[in-house]
Amino acid sequence: MSIVIIGGNECMIRRYKDLCSEYKCKAKIYPKMASGLKNFGNPDLLVLFTGTVSHKMIKCALNEAKSQNIKIARAHSSSICALKSILEEHIA
């Protein structure tokens, strides 16, 4: 399963990837707005950490996800615990 994470803390990227690999998922992480989000591919799940991301970045990600019918999970906190609960809910 592939996951795209939008937002979060830059110093936590390695921990996000490690947690996703424990659930046998491949993760792409965009902690800040790079050259646009239109190249994030076609993941199975889009995780939005809404507390650490701009409204513009959320709109861009949601537009891309809706055009490709991607599942969306949101969490205000960008903690490992929040990501773990999202993964347990959607991966099981």
N, C-alpha and C. Protein backbone atom coordinates (compact mmCIF):
# COMPACT_ATOMS: atom_id res chain seq x y z
N MET A 1 0.85 -1.17 0.00
CA MET A 1 0.00 0.00 0.00
C MET A 1 0.90 1.24 0.00
N SER A 2 0.52 2.22 -0.74
CA SER A 2 1.31 3.45 -0.79
C SER A 2 0.55 4.59 -0.11
N ILE A 3 1.32 5.43 0.58
CA ILE A 3 0.75 6.53 1.36
C ILE A 3 1.51 7.80 1.04
N VAL A 4 0.78 8.91 0.97
CA VAL A 4 1.39 10.23 0.87
C VAL A 4 1.01 11.00 2.12
N ILE A 5 2.01 11.56 2.78
CA ILE A 5 1.79 12.35 3.99
C ILE A 5 2.07 13.80 3.66
N ILE A 6 1.10 14.66 3.90
CA ILE A 6 1.22 16.09 3.66
C ILE A 6 1.29 16.78 5.01
N GLY A 7 2.34 17.57 5.22
CA GLY A 7 2.52 18.27 6.48
C GLY A 7 3.44 17.49 7.40
N GLY A 8 3.37 17.81 8.67
CA GLY A 8 4.23 17.14 9.63
C GLY A 8 5.50 17.94 9.88
N ASN A 9 6.37 17.37 10.68
CA ASN A 9 7.63 18.03 11.02
C ASN A 9 8.76 17.44 10.20
N GLU A 10 9.64 18.30 9.72
CA GLU A 10 10.76 17.83 8.89
C GLU A 10 11.67 16.89 9.66
N CYS A 11 11.83 17.12 10.95
CA CYS A 11 12.73 16.28 11.74
C CYS A 11 12.13 14.89 12.00
N MET A 12 10.86 14.69 11.69
CA MET A 12 10.19 13.42 11.94
C MET A 12 10.05 12.55 10.69
N ILE A 13 10.57 12.99 9.58
CA ILE A 13 10.40 12.26 8.32
C ILE A 13 10.86 10.82 8.44
N ARG A 14 12.02 10.61 9.01
CA ARG A 14 12.56 9.25 9.15
C ARG A 14 11.63 8.39 10.00
N ARG A 15 11.09 8.94 11.07
CA ARG A 15 10.20 8.17 11.96
C ARG A 15 8.88 7.86 11.26
N TYR A 16 8.37 8.80 10.46
CA TYR A 16 7.15 8.53 9.69
C TYR A 16 7.38 7.36 8.74
N LYS A 17 8.50 7.38 8.02
CA LYS A 17 8.80 6.31 7.07
C LYS A 17 8.97 4.97 7.78
N ASP A 18 9.64 4.98 8.93
CA ASP A 18 9.84 3.74 9.67
C ASP A 18 8.52 3.15 10.15
N LEU A 19 7.63 4.01 10.63
CA LEU A 19 6.33 3.52 11.10
C LEU A 19 5.52 2.97 9.93
N CYS A 20 5.55 3.64 8.80
CA CYS A 20 4.83 3.14 7.63
C CYS A 20 5.38 1.81 7.16
N SER A 21 6.69 1.64 7.23
CA SER A 21 7.28 0.36 6.81
C SER A 21 6.90 -0.76 7.77
N GLU A 22 6.65 -0.45 9.04
CA GLU A 22 6.17 -1.47 9.98
C GLU A 22 4.80 -1.99 9.56
N TYR A 23 4.01 -1.14 8.94
CA TYR A 23 2.70 -1.54 8.45
C TYR A 23 2.75 -1.98 6.99
N LYS A 24 3.95 -2.20 6.48
CA LYS A 24 4.19 -2.65 5.10
C LYS A 24 3.62 -1.68 4.08
N CYS A 25 3.87 -0.40 4.31
CA CYS A 25 3.44 0.66 3.41
C CYS A 25 4.64 1.45 2.93
N LYS A 26 4.54 1.94 1.73
CA LYS A 26 5.56 2.81 1.17
C LYS A 26 5.05 4.24 1.28
N ALA A 27 5.88 5.14 1.82
CA ALA A 27 5.42 6.50 2.10
C ALA A 27 6.24 7.55 1.37
N LYS A 28 5.52 8.55 0.85
CA LYS A 28 6.13 9.78 0.35
C LYS A 28 5.69 10.87 1.31
N ILE A 29 6.61 11.71 1.72
CA ILE A 29 6.30 12.72 2.73
C ILE A 29 6.65 14.10 2.20
N TYR A 30 5.69 15.01 2.30
CA TYR A 30 5.86 16.39 1.89
C TYR A 30 5.61 17.29 3.10
N PRO A 31 6.64 17.61 3.88
CA PRO A 31 6.42 18.44 5.07
C PRO A 31 6.15 19.90 4.75
N LYS A 32 6.58 20.35 3.60
CA LYS A 32 6.29 21.73 3.20
C LYS A 32 6.05 21.76 1.70
N MET A 33 5.52 22.85 1.23
CA MET A 33 5.16 22.99 -0.18
C MET A 33 6.43 23.09 -1.02
N ALA A 34 6.65 22.10 -1.80
CA ALA A 34 7.81 22.10 -2.70
C ALA A 34 7.37 22.69 -4.03
N SER A 35 7.72 22.09 -5.10
CA SER A 35 7.36 22.60 -6.43
C SER A 35 5.96 22.14 -6.83
N GLY A 36 5.06 22.16 -5.91
CA GLY A 36 3.70 21.71 -6.19
C GLY A 36 3.51 20.27 -5.78
N LEU A 37 2.29 19.87 -5.60
CA LEU A 37 2.00 18.51 -5.15
C LEU A 37 1.39 17.66 -6.24
N LYS A 38 1.39 18.13 -7.46
CA LYS A 38 0.74 17.39 -8.53
C LYS A 38 1.50 16.15 -8.95
N ASN A 39 2.69 15.95 -8.44
CA ASN A 39 3.49 14.79 -8.85
C ASN A 39 3.55 13.72 -7.77
N PHE A 40 2.59 13.70 -6.84
CA PHE A 40 2.69 12.69 -5.80
C PHE A 40 2.15 11.34 -6.21
N GLY A 41 1.74 11.20 -7.42
CA GLY A 41 1.37 9.89 -7.96
C GLY A 41 -0.06 9.51 -7.65
N ASN A 42 -0.29 8.22 -7.48
CA ASN A 42 -1.63 7.69 -7.21
C ASN A 42 -1.58 6.79 -5.98
N PRO A 43 -1.49 7.37 -4.78
CA PRO A 43 -1.39 6.56 -3.57
C PRO A 43 -2.74 5.96 -3.17
N ASP A 44 -2.69 5.02 -2.26
CA ASP A 44 -3.92 4.42 -1.74
C ASP A 44 -4.53 5.28 -0.64
N LEU A 45 -3.70 6.07 0.06
CA LEU A 45 -4.18 6.87 1.18
C LEU A 45 -3.40 8.18 1.23
N LEU A 46 -4.12 9.27 1.46
CA LEU A 46 -3.51 10.59 1.64
C LEU A 46 -3.73 10.99 3.09
N VAL A 47 -2.64 11.25 3.81
CA VAL A 47 -2.70 11.67 5.21
C VAL A 47 -2.38 13.15 5.27
N LEU A 48 -3.29 13.93 5.86
CA LEU A 48 -3.10 15.38 6.02
C LEU A 48 -2.91 15.70 7.49
N PHE A 49 -1.74 16.24 7.84
CA PHE A 49 -1.52 16.77 9.18
C PHE A 49 -1.87 18.25 9.12
N THR A 50 -3.09 18.57 9.48
CA THR A 50 -3.62 19.91 9.24
C THR A 50 -3.04 20.99 10.15
N GLY A 51 -2.45 20.61 11.27
CA GLY A 51 -1.91 21.60 12.18
C GLY A 51 -0.60 22.21 11.72
N THR A 52 0.09 21.56 10.80
CA THR A 52 1.42 22.02 10.40
C THR A 52 1.52 22.31 8.90
N VAL A 53 0.38 22.62 8.29
CA VAL A 53 0.41 22.84 6.85
C VAL A 53 -0.48 24.04 6.50
N SER A 54 -0.13 24.71 5.43
CA SER A 54 -0.90 25.90 5.03
C SER A 54 -2.20 25.51 4.34
N HIS A 55 -3.12 26.44 4.33
CA HIS A 55 -4.40 26.20 3.66
C HIS A 55 -4.21 25.97 2.17
N LYS A 56 -3.28 26.69 1.59
CA LYS A 56 -3.01 26.53 0.16
C LYS A 56 -2.54 25.11 -0.16
N MET A 57 -1.69 24.57 0.69
CA MET A 57 -1.18 23.22 0.48
C MET A 57 -2.29 22.18 0.66
N ILE A 58 -3.17 22.40 1.62
CA ILE A 58 -4.30 21.49 1.83
C ILE A 58 -5.22 21.50 0.62
N LYS A 59 -5.55 22.70 0.11
CA LYS A 59 -6.41 22.80 -1.07
C LYS A 59 -5.81 22.08 -2.26
N CYS A 60 -4.53 22.29 -2.48
CA CYS A 60 -3.84 21.67 -3.60
C CYS A 60 -3.89 20.14 -3.48
N ALA A 61 -3.62 19.62 -2.28
CA ALA A 61 -3.62 18.18 -2.06
C ALA A 61 -5.02 17.60 -2.20
N LEU A 62 -6.02 18.29 -1.66
CA LEU A 62 -7.40 17.79 -1.75
C LEU A 62 -7.91 17.78 -3.18
N ASN A 63 -7.57 18.81 -3.96
CA ASN A 63 -7.97 18.83 -5.37
C ASN A 63 -7.37 17.66 -6.12
N GLU A 64 -6.10 17.39 -5.87
CA GLU A 64 -5.43 16.28 -6.54
C GLU A 64 -6.04 14.94 -6.09
N ALA A 65 -6.32 14.80 -4.81
CA ALA A 65 -6.88 13.55 -4.29
C ALA A 65 -8.29 13.30 -4.81
N LYS A 66 -9.10 14.35 -4.89
CA LYS A 66 -10.47 14.18 -5.38
C LYS A 66 -10.50 13.82 -6.85
N SER A 67 -9.56 14.34 -7.61
CA SER A 67 -9.54 14.02 -9.04
C SER A 67 -9.14 12.57 -9.30
N GLN A 68 -8.43 11.96 -8.33
CA GLN A 68 -7.98 10.58 -8.50
C GLN A 68 -8.70 9.59 -7.59
N ASN A 69 -9.72 10.05 -6.85
CA ASN A 69 -10.48 9.20 -5.92
C ASN A 69 -9.59 8.50 -4.90
N ILE A 70 -8.77 9.28 -4.21
CA ILE A 70 -7.86 8.77 -3.19
C ILE A 70 -8.52 8.95 -1.83
N LYS A 71 -8.39 7.93 -0.95
CA LYS A 71 -8.89 8.05 0.42
C LYS A 71 -8.10 9.13 1.15
N ILE A 72 -8.79 9.89 2.01
CA ILE A 72 -8.16 10.98 2.73
C ILE A 72 -8.35 10.77 4.22
N ALA A 73 -7.26 10.90 4.98
CA ALA A 73 -7.32 10.85 6.44
C ALA A 73 -6.70 12.13 6.96
N ARG A 74 -7.36 12.75 7.95
CA ARG A 74 -6.87 14.01 8.50
C ARG A 74 -6.57 13.85 9.98
N ALA A 75 -5.54 14.55 10.44
CA ALA A 75 -5.22 14.62 11.86
C ALA A 75 -4.67 16.00 12.14
N HIS A 76 -5.11 16.60 13.22
CA HIS A 76 -4.60 17.93 13.56
C HIS A 76 -3.17 17.82 14.07
N SER A 77 -2.91 16.81 14.84
CA SER A 77 -1.57 16.60 15.39
C SER A 77 -0.70 15.89 14.36
N SER A 78 0.58 16.19 14.37
CA SER A 78 1.50 15.52 13.45
C SER A 78 2.41 14.57 14.20
N SER A 79 1.89 13.94 15.23
CA SER A 79 2.69 13.04 16.06
C SER A 79 2.71 11.63 15.47
N ILE A 80 3.63 10.84 15.98
CA ILE A 80 3.72 9.44 15.57
C ILE A 80 2.45 8.70 16.01
N CYS A 81 1.95 9.05 17.18
CA CYS A 81 0.72 8.41 17.69
C CYS A 81 -0.46 8.68 16.76
N ALA A 82 -0.58 9.90 16.25
CA ALA A 82 -1.66 10.23 15.32
C ALA A 82 -1.53 9.43 14.03
N LEU A 83 -0.32 9.33 13.51
CA LEU A 83 -0.10 8.54 12.29
C LEU A 83 -0.39 7.07 12.54
N LYS A 84 0.01 6.57 13.70
CA LYS A 84 -0.22 5.17 14.02
C LYS A 84 -1.71 4.86 14.09
N SER A 85 -2.49 5.75 14.69
CA SER A 85 -3.94 5.50 14.76
C SER A 85 -4.57 5.55 13.37
N ILE A 86 -4.08 6.43 12.51
CA ILE A 86 -4.60 6.48 11.12
C ILE A 86 -4.25 5.18 10.39
N LEU A 87 -3.03 4.71 10.55
CA LEU A 87 -2.62 3.48 9.87
C LEU A 87 -3.42 2.29 10.39
N GLU A 88 -3.65 2.22 11.70
CA GLU A 88 -4.42 1.11 12.25
C GLU A 88 -5.86 1.13 11.74
N GLU A 89 -6.40 2.31 11.58
CA GLU A 89 -7.78 2.43 11.10
C GLU A 89 -7.91 2.05 9.63
N HIS A 90 -6.96 2.46 8.80
CA HIS A 90 -7.08 2.28 7.36
C HIS A 90 -6.36 1.04 6.82
N ILE A 91 -5.35 0.56 7.52
CA ILE A 91 -4.60 -0.59 7.03
C ILE A 91 -5.14 -1.90 7.63
N ALA A 92 -5.22 -1.92 8.95
CA ALA A 92 -5.70 -3.08 9.73
C ALA A 92 -5.11 -4.32 9.21
